Amino acid sequence: MPSNRIGRINEEIQRELSALIPNVKDPRVTGMISITAVETTPDLRYAKVFVSMLDKSSAASVVKGLKSASGWLRRELGHALNLRYTPELLFEEDHSIDHGAHILELLRNPEVVKPANPANAHIVLDEEE
């Protein structure tokens, strides 16, 4: 029976980093920052951390600030987690929320999404009245 050890470690790293990021003293790391996902390699040497920001205009500078603070974050993470190796943190901006919003917009557009059955194209929903 396979264990879900990497998944649990990813969740724990995400939880700890979410608590640590507000304490980063780098002035570039400001605003509402969310850790959306963490992907750790099976040997626990590297962890790719996906970050989402409310203010998209400063996203590049926030990621640079997090990369410069990654040593401090890694040390604090090592104190909080009891692992043989504390993974090296690689920060990336997460575009999945924007991608999901774009897909939802396309699904709501009647010019893009056609009826599944062309025979039902004449049916008008009550919402359009």
Protein backbone atom coordinates (compact mmCIF):
# COMPACT_ATOMS: atom_id res chain seq x y z
CA MET A 1 0.00 0.00 0.00
CA PRO A 2 1.70 3.25 -1.12
CA SER A 3 2.00 6.06 1.38
CA ASN A 4 1.27 9.69 0.68
CA ARG A 5 4.38 10.97 2.47
CA ILE A 6 5.39 13.52 -0.18
CA GLY A 7 1.86 14.93 -0.24
CA ARG A 8 1.86 15.37 3.53
CA ILE A 9 5.29 17.01 3.43
CA ASN A 10 4.09 19.37 0.67
CA GLU A 11 1.09 20.39 2.78
CA GLU A 12 3.26 20.93 5.85
CA ILE A 13 5.77 23.05 3.91
CA GLN A 14 2.88 25.09 2.47
CA ARG A 15 1.41 25.64 5.94
CA GLU A 16 4.74 26.65 7.49
CA LEU A 17 5.70 28.99 4.64
CA SER A 18 2.30 30.67 4.79
CA ALA A 19 3.00 31.46 8.44
CA LEU A 20 6.60 32.58 7.79
CA ILE A 21 6.13 34.87 4.77
CA PRO A 22 4.50 37.75 6.70
CA ASN A 23 7.68 37.88 8.84
CA VAL A 24 10.03 38.37 5.85
CA LYS A 25 11.78 41.71 6.22
CA ASP A 26 12.49 42.24 2.51
CA PRO A 27 10.60 45.40 1.41
CA ARG A 28 9.69 43.77 -1.93
CA VAL A 29 7.62 41.11 -0.14
CA THR A 30 4.47 43.12 0.58
CA GLY A 31 0.78 42.76 -0.07
CA MET A 32 -1.45 39.74 0.06
CA ILE A 33 0.69 36.72 -0.82
CA SER A 34 -0.68 33.17 -0.93
CA ILE A 35 1.16 29.89 -1.26
CA THR A 36 -1.06 27.98 -3.69
CA ALA A 37 0.96 24.77 -4.02
CA VAL A 38 4.26 23.10 -3.17
CA GLU A 39 5.86 20.35 -5.26
CA THR A 40 8.74 18.53 -3.58
CA THR A 41 11.09 16.18 -5.40
CA PRO A 42 11.04 12.57 -4.14
CA ASP A 43 14.53 12.94 -2.62
CA LEU A 44 13.36 16.05 -0.68
CA ARG A 45 16.23 18.17 -2.03
CA TYR A 46 14.12 20.78 -3.87
CA ALA A 47 10.68 22.23 -3.34
CA LYS A 48 8.97 24.32 -6.01
CA VAL A 49 6.72 26.84 -4.26
CA PHE A 50 3.92 28.41 -6.29
CA VAL A 51 2.99 31.90 -5.12
CA SER A 52 -0.07 33.98 -6.00
CA MET A 53 -0.36 37.71 -5.33
CA LEU A 54 -3.39 39.97 -5.18
CA ASP A 55 -1.44 42.79 -6.86
CA LYS A 56 -0.23 41.35 -10.18
CA SER A 57 1.84 44.46 -11.05
CA SER A 58 4.43 43.74 -8.34
CA ALA A 59 4.53 39.96 -8.84
CA ALA A 60 8.03 39.86 -10.31
CA SER A 61 9.53 41.91 -7.49
CA VAL A 62 7.73 39.81 -4.85
CA VAL A 63 9.17 36.61 -6.36
CA LYS A 64 12.65 38.19 -6.40
CA GLY A 65 12.24 39.20 -2.76
CA LEU A 66 11.17 35.68 -1.81
CA LYS A 67 14.14 34.22 -3.69
CA SER A 68 16.51 36.49 -1.77
CA ALA A 69 14.86 35.51 1.52
CA SER A 70 14.84 31.79 0.66
CA GLY A 71 17.87 31.08 2.88
CA TRP A 72 16.15 32.47 5.96
CA LEU A 73 12.89 30.74 5.03
CA ARG A 74 14.72 27.43 4.55
CA ARG A 75 16.43 27.73 7.94
CA GLU A 76 13.14 28.50 9.72
CA LEU A 77 11.47 25.66 7.83
CA GLY A 78 14.24 23.31 8.97
CA HIS A 79 13.58 24.26 12.59
CA ALA A 80 9.84 23.67 12.21
CA LEU A 81 10.00 20.38 10.28
CA ASN A 82 11.78 17.25 11.40
CA LEU A 83 13.25 16.08 8.10
CA ARG A 84 16.65 14.71 7.22
CA TYR A 85 17.02 17.29 4.44
CA THR A 86 15.36 20.68 4.33
CA PRO A 87 14.51 21.26 0.68
CA GLU A 88 15.93 24.17 -1.27
CA LEU A 89 13.06 26.54 -2.04
CA LEU A 90 12.39 27.57 -5.64
CA PHE A 91 9.71 30.27 -5.93
CA GLU A 92 7.51 30.67 -9.01
CA GLU A 93 4.52 32.85 -9.74
CA ASP A 94 1.29 30.84 -10.04
CA HIS A 95 -0.92 31.65 -13.02
CA SER A 96 -3.53 28.95 -12.38
CA ILE A 97 -6.09 31.36 -10.87
CA ASP A 98 -5.91 33.63 -13.93
CA HIS A 99 -6.09 30.60 -16.22
CA GLY A 100 -9.19 29.31 -14.39
CA ALA A 101 -10.87 32.71 -14.60
CA HIS A 102 -10.16 32.83 -18.34
CA ILE A 103 -11.68 29.37 -18.88
CA LEU A 104 -14.75 30.34 -16.85
CA GLU A 105 -15.13 33.47 -18.97
CA LEU A 106 -14.95 31.38 -22.13
CA LEU A 107 -17.54 28.93 -20.82
CA ARG A 108 -19.96 31.78 -20.10
CA ASN A 109 -19.51 33.26 -23.60
CA PRO A 110 -22.32 31.94 -25.87
CA GLU A 111 -20.28 32.62 -29.04
CA VAL A 112 -17.56 30.21 -27.84
CA VAL A 113 -19.63 27.45 -26.22
CA LYS A 114 -22.23 25.98 -28.55
CA PRO A 115 -25.07 23.72 -27.43
CA ALA A 116 -24.09 20.06 -27.10
CA ASN A 117 -27.04 18.99 -29.20
CA PRO A 118 -27.78 21.25 -32.22
CA ALA A 119 -31.40 20.09 -32.17
CA ASN A 120 -31.77 21.94 -28.83
CA ALA A 121 -30.37 25.25 -30.14
CA HIS A 122 -33.88 26.75 -30.37
CA ILE A 123 -34.48 26.34 -26.59
CA VAL A 124 -34.24 29.65 -24.73
CA LEU A 125 -33.45 29.59 -21.02
CA ASP A 126 -35.46 31.66 -18.54
CA GLU A 127 -32.36 33.65 -17.56
CA GLU A 128 -32.20 35.33 -20.99
CA GLU A 129 -35.61 37.05 -20.66
